[in-house]
Amino acid sequence: MLILFGFNTRVKELFRRQAVCSNCGQHASQRVDERSTRFTVFFIPLFTTRRRYSRTCAWCGITAELSKSEKNALA
């Protein structure tokens, strides 16, 4: 019997917000993304194993990791 299983990672943009970038100091649009990793069997996602959040500056392009509480504070 052959069982196909693995992990699939999806990136979803949650929202954009105007804020000051911690890297370049410019007041620019900050994009907040959610990266979720899901366990799949026969290419069907069963459950989420990991969620990570990141913020990307539109001015300089730097990406910084966010915690869930930091993401909620920005929203």
C-alpha atoms as a PDB file:
ATOM      1  CA  MET A   1       0.000   0.000   0.000  1.00  0.00           C
ATOM      2  CA  LEU A   2       1.343   3.392  -0.995  1.00  0.00           C
ATOM      3  CA  ILE A   3       0.501   6.417   1.159  1.00  0.00           C
ATOM      4  CA  LEU A   4       1.506   9.863  -0.045  1.00  0.00           C
ATOM      5  CA  PHE A   5       2.068  12.345   2.762  1.00  0.00           C
ATOM      6  CA  GLY A   6       4.071  15.499   3.283  1.00  0.00           C
ATOM      7  CA  PHE A   7       3.979  19.174   4.206  1.00  0.00           C
ATOM      8  CA  ASN A   8       2.682  22.137   2.249  1.00  0.00           C
ATOM      9  CA  THR A   9       3.530  25.768   3.053  1.00  0.00           C
ATOM     10  CA  ARG A  10       1.234  28.624   2.051  1.00  0.00           C
ATOM     11  CA  VAL A  11       1.817  32.357   2.339  1.00  0.00           C
ATOM     12  CA  LYS A  12      -1.195  34.625   2.774  1.00  0.00           C
ATOM     13  CA  GLU A  13      -1.161  38.425   2.994  1.00  0.00           C
ATOM     14  CA  LEU A  14      -3.186  39.444   6.046  1.00  0.00           C
ATOM     15  CA  PHE A  15      -3.137  43.247   5.791  1.00  0.00           C
ATOM     16  CA  ARG A  16      -1.069  46.335   4.986  1.00  0.00           C
ATOM     17  CA  ARG A  17      -0.432  49.196   7.337  1.00  0.00           C
ATOM     18  CA  GLN A  18       1.440  52.497   7.230  1.00  0.00           C
ATOM     19  CA  ALA A  19       4.197  52.483   9.862  1.00  0.00           C
ATOM     20  CA  VAL A  20       7.802  53.453  10.476  1.00  0.00           C
ATOM     21  CA  CYS A  21      10.263  50.733   9.442  1.00  0.00           C
ATOM     22  CA  SER A  22      12.680  49.617  12.149  1.00  0.00           C
ATOM     23  CA  ASN A  23      15.440  49.120   9.548  1.00  0.00           C
ATOM     24  CA  CYS A  24      15.353  52.186   7.267  1.00  0.00           C
ATOM     25  CA  GLY A  25      13.346  54.596   9.449  1.00  0.00           C
ATOM     26  CA  GLN A  26      10.991  55.553   6.595  1.00  0.00           C
ATOM     27  CA  HIS A  27       7.236  55.914   7.027  1.00  0.00           C
ATOM     28  CA  ALA A  28       6.107  53.329   4.460  1.00  0.00           C
ATOM     29  CA  SER A  29       3.601  50.562   3.856  1.00  0.00           C
ATOM     30  CA  GLN A  30       4.250  47.429   5.919  1.00  0.00           C
ATOM     31  CA  ARG A  31       2.831  44.141   4.598  1.00  0.00           C
ATOM     32  CA  VAL A  32       1.999  41.501   7.225  1.00  0.00           C
ATOM     33  CA  ASP A  33       2.000  37.896   5.972  1.00  0.00           C
ATOM     34  CA  GLU A  34       1.040  34.576   7.533  1.00  0.00           C
ATOM     35  CA  ARG A  35       3.087  31.511   6.572  1.00  0.00           C
ATOM     36  CA  SER A  36       1.290  28.298   7.520  1.00  0.00           C
ATOM     37  CA  THR A  37       2.688  24.788   7.177  1.00  0.00           C
ATOM     38  CA  ARG A  38       0.128  22.005   6.835  1.00  0.00           C
ATOM     39  CA  PHE A  39       0.422  18.236   7.037  1.00  0.00           C
ATOM     40  CA  THR A  40      -1.097  16.607   3.933  1.00  0.00           C
ATOM     41  CA  VAL A  41      -2.156  13.080   3.006  1.00  0.00           C
ATOM     42  CA  PHE A  42      -2.842  12.411  -0.682  1.00  0.00           C
ATOM     43  CA  PHE A  43      -2.477  16.189  -1.291  1.00  0.00           C
ATOM     44  CA  ILE A  44      -5.359  16.957   1.112  1.00  0.00           C
ATOM     45  CA  PRO A  45      -4.371  19.283   3.987  1.00  0.00           C
ATOM     46  CA  LEU A  46      -5.383  17.724   7.300  1.00  0.00           C
ATOM     47  CA  PHE A  47      -4.113  20.096   9.994  1.00  0.00           C
ATOM     48  CA  THR A  48      -1.816  23.065  10.478  1.00  0.00           C
ATOM     49  CA  THR A  49       1.489  22.235  12.128  1.00  0.00           C
ATOM     50  CA  ARG A  50       3.060  25.710  12.217  1.00  0.00           C
ATOM     51  CA  ARG A  51       2.088  29.368  11.801  1.00  0.00           C
ATOM     52  CA  ARG A  52       4.613  32.146  11.412  1.00  0.00           C
ATOM     53  CA  TYR A  53       4.075  35.845  10.832  1.00  0.00           C
ATOM     54  CA  SER A  54       6.344  38.338   9.085  1.00  0.00           C
ATOM     55  CA  ARG A  55       6.384  42.036   8.226  1.00  0.00           C
ATOM     56  CA  THR A  56       7.875  43.346   4.963  1.00  0.00           C
ATOM     57  CA  CYS A  57       8.713  47.010   4.353  1.00  0.00           C
ATOM     58  CA  ALA A  58       7.679  48.378   0.946  1.00  0.00           C
ATOM     59  CA  TRP A  59      10.487  50.968   1.002  1.00  0.00           C
ATOM     60  CA  CYS A  60      13.601  48.881   1.738  1.00  0.00           C
ATOM     61  CA  GLY A  61      12.199  45.345   1.307  1.00  0.00           C
ATOM     62  CA  ILE A  62      13.460  43.930   4.604  1.00  0.00           C
ATOM     63  CA  THR A  63      11.421  41.116   6.156  1.00  0.00           C
ATOM     64  CA  ALA A  64      11.199  40.704   9.933  1.00  0.00           C
ATOM     65  CA  GLU A  65       9.594  37.885  11.905  1.00  0.00           C
ATOM     66  CA  LEU A  66       6.659  38.783  14.168  1.00  0.00           C
ATOM     67  CA  SER A  67       5.143  36.995  17.117  1.00  0.00           C
ATOM     68  CA  LYS A  68       1.397  36.450  17.285  1.00  0.00           C
ATOM     69  CA  SER A  69       1.017  39.206  19.894  1.00  0.00           C
ATOM     70  CA  GLU A  70       3.009  41.666  17.729  1.00  0.00           C
ATOM     71  CA  LYS A  71       0.800  40.796  14.753  1.00  0.00           C
ATOM     72  CA  ASN A  72      -2.327  41.430  16.821  1.00  0.00           C
ATOM     73  CA  ALA A  73      -0.916  44.782  18.030  1.00  0.00           C
ATOM     74  CA  LEU A  74      -0.349  45.920  14.429  1.00  0.00           C
ATOM     75  CA  ALA A  75      -3.867  44.955  13.354  1.00  0.00           C
END
